[in-house]
Amino acid sequence: MRFLPPGIISHGIRRINNIELQPAVVYIHPWEIDHRQPRFKVRRLTEVRHYAGLSGVEDKIKNILSEFKFGKISQVITESLARQPVSYFSC
């Protein structure tokens, strides 16, 4: 979410929904929403990995929430299992 432009994120979700006919699962670490979190002195690569793009995450989340319908993961799993039974064992 922090590293990709909004258009690529939206395109990926649409592709999963419309072409693969599957629900997309979006997970965001809670700390990624807090762009005012304390900054620690760390190596450059760690700094980029942890802090780059924090200031734009909230707007990206707002955009995808307004563009797509979201639900609980339990609902997604229940609906998915109802559509196609899963066999965990094969003979």
N, C-alpha and C. Protein backbone atom coordinates (compact mmCIF):
# COMPACT_ATOMS: atom_id res chain seq x y z
N MET A 1 0.83 -1.19 0.00
CA MET A 1 0.00 0.00 0.00
C MET A 1 0.87 1.25 0.00
N ARG A 2 1.96 1.21 0.76
CA ARG A 2 2.81 2.41 0.84
C ARG A 2 3.64 2.63 -0.41
N PHE A 3 4.00 1.56 -1.09
CA PHE A 3 4.97 1.68 -2.18
C PHE A 3 4.34 1.81 -3.57
N LEU A 4 3.10 1.42 -3.72
CA LEU A 4 2.47 1.44 -5.05
C LEU A 4 1.58 2.65 -5.24
N PRO A 5 1.53 3.18 -6.45
CA PRO A 5 0.61 4.29 -6.74
C PRO A 5 -0.85 3.81 -6.67
N PRO A 6 -1.78 4.69 -6.34
CA PRO A 6 -3.19 4.30 -6.20
C PRO A 6 -3.76 3.61 -7.44
N GLY A 7 -3.36 4.04 -8.63
CA GLY A 7 -3.88 3.44 -9.85
C GLY A 7 -3.51 1.97 -9.98
N ILE A 8 -2.32 1.62 -9.57
CA ILE A 8 -1.88 0.22 -9.63
C ILE A 8 -2.63 -0.62 -8.60
N ILE A 9 -2.85 -0.06 -7.43
CA ILE A 9 -3.61 -0.76 -6.39
C ILE A 9 -5.03 -1.04 -6.88
N SER A 10 -5.68 0.00 -7.42
CA SER A 10 -7.05 -0.16 -7.93
C SER A 10 -7.10 -1.16 -9.08
N HIS A 11 -6.14 -1.07 -9.98
CA HIS A 11 -6.08 -2.00 -11.12
C HIS A 11 -5.95 -3.44 -10.62
N GLY A 12 -5.10 -3.67 -9.64
CA GLY A 12 -4.92 -5.01 -9.09
C GLY A 12 -6.18 -5.56 -8.46
N ILE A 13 -6.87 -4.73 -7.70
CA ILE A 13 -8.12 -5.17 -7.06
C ILE A 13 -9.18 -5.47 -8.12
N ARG A 14 -9.31 -4.58 -9.13
CA ARG A 14 -10.28 -4.82 -10.20
C ARG A 14 -9.97 -6.10 -10.96
N ARG A 15 -8.70 -6.35 -11.21
CA ARG A 15 -8.30 -7.57 -11.93
C ARG A 15 -8.69 -8.82 -11.13
N ILE A 16 -8.40 -8.81 -9.86
CA ILE A 16 -8.75 -9.96 -9.01
C ILE A 16 -10.27 -10.16 -9.00
N ASN A 17 -11.03 -9.06 -8.86
CA ASN A 17 -12.49 -9.15 -8.81
C ASN A 17 -13.11 -9.53 -10.14
N ASN A 18 -12.70 -8.89 -11.22
CA ASN A 18 -13.39 -9.02 -12.51
C ASN A 18 -12.83 -10.10 -13.43
N ILE A 19 -11.55 -10.33 -13.40
CA ILE A 19 -10.96 -11.31 -14.30
C ILE A 19 -10.80 -12.66 -13.60
N GLU A 20 -10.28 -12.63 -12.39
CA GLU A 20 -10.10 -13.88 -11.65
C GLU A 20 -11.37 -14.29 -10.90
N LEU A 21 -12.35 -13.36 -10.85
CA LEU A 21 -13.63 -13.59 -10.19
C LEU A 21 -13.47 -14.00 -8.73
N GLN A 22 -12.53 -13.36 -8.07
CA GLN A 22 -12.24 -13.64 -6.66
C GLN A 22 -12.28 -12.34 -5.87
N PRO A 23 -12.54 -12.44 -4.59
CA PRO A 23 -12.43 -11.24 -3.75
C PRO A 23 -10.96 -10.93 -3.49
N ALA A 24 -10.63 -9.66 -3.43
CA ALA A 24 -9.27 -9.26 -3.08
C ALA A 24 -9.19 -9.10 -1.56
N VAL A 25 -8.09 -9.48 -0.99
CA VAL A 25 -7.87 -9.30 0.44
C VAL A 25 -6.80 -8.22 0.61
N VAL A 26 -7.16 -7.19 1.35
CA VAL A 26 -6.24 -6.07 1.59
C VAL A 26 -5.93 -6.04 3.08
N TYR A 27 -4.66 -6.10 3.41
CA TYR A 27 -4.23 -6.04 4.80
C TYR A 27 -3.27 -4.88 4.98
N ILE A 28 -3.49 -4.12 6.01
CA ILE A 28 -2.64 -2.97 6.31
C ILE A 28 -2.22 -3.06 7.77
N HIS A 29 -0.94 -2.95 8.02
CA HIS A 29 -0.47 -2.91 9.40
C HIS A 29 -0.98 -1.61 10.03
N PRO A 30 -1.50 -1.66 11.24
CA PRO A 30 -2.00 -0.44 11.89
C PRO A 30 -0.97 0.68 11.96
N TRP A 31 0.29 0.35 12.13
CA TRP A 31 1.30 1.40 12.24
C TRP A 31 1.51 2.14 10.93
N GLU A 32 1.07 1.54 9.81
CA GLU A 32 1.25 2.20 8.52
C GLU A 32 0.29 3.37 8.33
N ILE A 33 -0.70 3.49 9.18
CA ILE A 33 -1.64 4.60 9.10
C ILE A 33 -1.12 5.81 9.88
N ASP A 34 -0.24 5.58 10.82
CA ASP A 34 0.25 6.66 11.68
C ASP A 34 1.53 7.27 11.12
N HIS A 35 1.39 8.31 10.30
CA HIS A 35 2.58 8.93 9.71
C HIS A 35 3.34 9.78 10.73
N ARG A 36 2.78 9.96 11.92
CA ARG A 36 3.47 10.72 12.98
C ARG A 36 4.13 9.82 14.01
N GLN A 37 4.26 8.55 13.69
CA GLN A 37 4.88 7.61 14.62
C GLN A 37 6.33 8.04 14.90
N PRO A 38 6.85 7.66 16.04
CA PRO A 38 8.24 8.02 16.35
C PRO A 38 9.21 7.39 15.35
N ARG A 39 10.21 8.12 15.00
CA ARG A 39 11.23 7.64 14.05
C ARG A 39 12.49 7.26 14.83
N PHE A 40 12.99 6.11 14.52
CA PHE A 40 14.20 5.64 15.16
C PHE A 40 15.35 5.71 14.18
N LYS A 41 16.54 5.89 14.72
CA LYS A 41 17.72 5.91 13.87
C LYS A 41 18.07 4.47 13.51
N VAL A 42 17.93 4.16 12.23
CA VAL A 42 18.17 2.81 11.74
C VAL A 42 18.97 2.90 10.44
N ARG A 43 19.40 1.75 9.94
CA ARG A 43 20.11 1.72 8.67
C ARG A 43 19.20 2.23 7.55
N ARG A 44 19.79 2.70 6.49
CA ARG A 44 19.05 3.32 5.39
C ARG A 44 17.99 2.39 4.80
N LEU A 45 18.32 1.14 4.52
CA LEU A 45 17.35 0.21 3.95
C LEU A 45 16.17 -0.01 4.89
N THR A 46 16.45 -0.15 6.17
CA THR A 46 15.39 -0.31 7.16
C THR A 46 14.53 0.94 7.23
N GLU A 47 15.15 2.09 7.14
CA GLU A 47 14.41 3.35 7.16
C GLU A 47 13.43 3.43 5.98
N VAL A 48 13.90 3.08 4.80
CA VAL A 48 13.04 3.09 3.62
C VAL A 48 11.91 2.09 3.79
N ARG A 49 12.25 0.89 4.22
CA ARG A 49 11.26 -0.17 4.38
C ARG A 49 10.18 0.18 5.40
N HIS A 50 10.53 0.91 6.44
CA HIS A 50 9.58 1.21 7.51
C HIS A 50 8.89 2.55 7.38
N TYR A 51 9.52 3.54 6.78
CA TYR A 51 8.97 4.88 6.82
C TYR A 51 8.56 5.46 5.47
N ALA A 52 9.05 4.90 4.36
CA ALA A 52 8.73 5.47 3.05
C ALA A 52 7.23 5.35 2.75
N GLY A 53 6.64 6.42 2.28
CA GLY A 53 5.25 6.42 1.86
C GLY A 53 4.21 6.51 2.95
N LEU A 54 4.62 6.68 4.20
CA LEU A 54 3.65 6.72 5.29
C LEU A 54 2.65 7.88 5.16
N SER A 55 3.12 9.00 4.67
CA SER A 55 2.25 10.18 4.63
C SER A 55 1.10 10.03 3.63
N GLY A 56 1.21 9.13 2.65
CA GLY A 56 0.15 8.98 1.66
C GLY A 56 -0.79 7.81 1.86
N VAL A 57 -0.52 6.98 2.87
CA VAL A 57 -1.32 5.76 3.06
C VAL A 57 -2.77 6.08 3.40
N GLU A 58 -3.00 7.04 4.24
CA GLU A 58 -4.38 7.36 4.65
C GLU A 58 -5.24 7.74 3.45
N ASP A 59 -4.73 8.56 2.54
CA ASP A 59 -5.48 8.94 1.35
C ASP A 59 -5.72 7.74 0.43
N LYS A 60 -4.72 6.86 0.31
CA LYS A 60 -4.90 5.67 -0.52
C LYS A 60 -6.00 4.78 0.05
N ILE A 61 -6.03 4.64 1.36
CA ILE A 61 -7.07 3.83 2.00
C ILE A 61 -8.45 4.44 1.76
N LYS A 62 -8.56 5.74 1.93
CA LYS A 62 -9.84 6.42 1.69
C LYS A 62 -10.30 6.21 0.24
N ASN A 63 -9.37 6.30 -0.70
CA ASN A 63 -9.72 6.12 -2.10
C ASN A 63 -10.24 4.71 -2.39
N ILE A 64 -9.53 3.69 -1.92
CA ILE A 64 -10.00 2.34 -2.24
C ILE A 64 -11.28 2.00 -1.47
N LEU A 65 -11.46 2.56 -0.28
CA LEU A 65 -12.71 2.34 0.45
C LEU A 65 -13.90 2.95 -0.27
N SER A 66 -13.68 4.07 -0.97
CA SER A 66 -14.78 4.68 -1.71
C SER A 66 -14.99 4.02 -3.07
N GLU A 67 -13.98 3.37 -3.59
CA GLU A 67 -14.05 2.77 -4.93
C GLU A 67 -14.57 1.33 -4.93
N PHE A 68 -14.33 0.59 -3.85
CA PHE A 68 -14.68 -0.83 -3.80
C PHE A 68 -15.54 -1.13 -2.59
N LYS A 69 -16.25 -2.25 -2.67
CA LYS A 69 -17.04 -2.74 -1.54
C LYS A 69 -16.16 -3.67 -0.72
N PHE A 70 -16.14 -3.49 0.57
CA PHE A 70 -15.35 -4.33 1.46
C PHE A 70 -16.24 -5.00 2.49
N GLY A 71 -15.78 -6.13 2.99
CA GLY A 71 -16.51 -6.85 4.02
C GLY A 71 -15.54 -7.56 4.94
N LYS A 72 -16.10 -8.31 5.85
CA LYS A 72 -15.29 -9.08 6.79
C LYS A 72 -14.71 -10.30 6.10
N ILE A 73 -13.52 -10.70 6.52
CA ILE A 73 -12.88 -11.88 5.94
C ILE A 73 -13.73 -13.13 6.21
N SER A 74 -14.41 -13.19 7.34
CA SER A 74 -15.27 -14.35 7.63
C SER A 74 -16.39 -14.46 6.62
N GLN A 75 -16.92 -13.33 6.18
CA GLN A 75 -17.98 -13.32 5.16
C GLN A 75 -17.42 -13.81 3.82
N VAL A 76 -16.23 -13.35 3.48
CA VAL A 76 -15.60 -13.77 2.22
C VAL A 76 -15.37 -15.28 2.22
N ILE A 77 -14.89 -15.81 3.32
CA ILE A 77 -14.63 -17.25 3.41
C ILE A 77 -15.94 -18.04 3.32
N THR A 78 -16.95 -17.60 4.04
CA THR A 78 -18.25 -18.28 4.02
C THR A 78 -18.83 -18.30 2.62
N GLU A 79 -18.81 -17.16 1.93
CA GLU A 79 -19.36 -17.08 0.57
C GLU A 79 -18.53 -17.90 -0.40
N SER A 80 -17.24 -17.91 -0.22
CA SER A 80 -16.36 -18.67 -1.10
C SER A 80 -16.60 -20.17 -0.94
N LEU A 81 -16.75 -20.63 0.28
CA LEU A 81 -17.02 -22.05 0.53
C LEU A 81 -18.39 -22.46 0.00
N ALA A 82 -19.35 -21.55 0.04
CA ALA A 82 -20.68 -21.86 -0.46
C ALA A 82 -20.66 -22.00 -1.98
N ARG A 83 -19.79 -21.25 -2.66
CA ARG A 83 -19.71 -21.30 -4.12
C ARG A 83 -19.04 -22.55 -4.62
N GLN A 84 -17.98 -22.98 -3.98
CA GLN A 84 -17.26 -24.15 -4.44
C GLN A 84 -16.74 -24.97 -3.26
N PRO A 85 -17.31 -26.14 -3.07
CA PRO A 85 -16.89 -26.98 -1.97
C PRO A 85 -15.39 -27.30 -2.07
N VAL A 86 -14.74 -27.36 -0.94
CA VAL A 86 -13.31 -27.62 -0.90
C VAL A 86 -13.09 -29.04 -0.41
N SER A 87 -12.23 -29.77 -1.08
CA SER A 87 -11.87 -31.11 -0.64
C SER A 87 -10.45 -31.06 -0.11
N TYR A 88 -10.28 -31.40 1.13
CA TYR A 88 -8.96 -31.35 1.74
C TYR A 88 -8.20 -32.67 1.60
N PHE A 89 -8.92 -33.73 1.26
CA PHE A 89 -8.30 -35.04 1.15
C PHE A 89 -8.55 -35.60 -0.25
N SER A 90 -7.60 -36.26 -0.77
CA SER A 90 -7.81 -36.94 -2.05
C SER A 90 -7.47 -38.41 -1.90
N CYS A 91 -8.17 -39.23 -2.61
CA CYS A 91 -7.95 -40.68 -2.54
C CYS A 91 -7.28 -41.17 -3.78
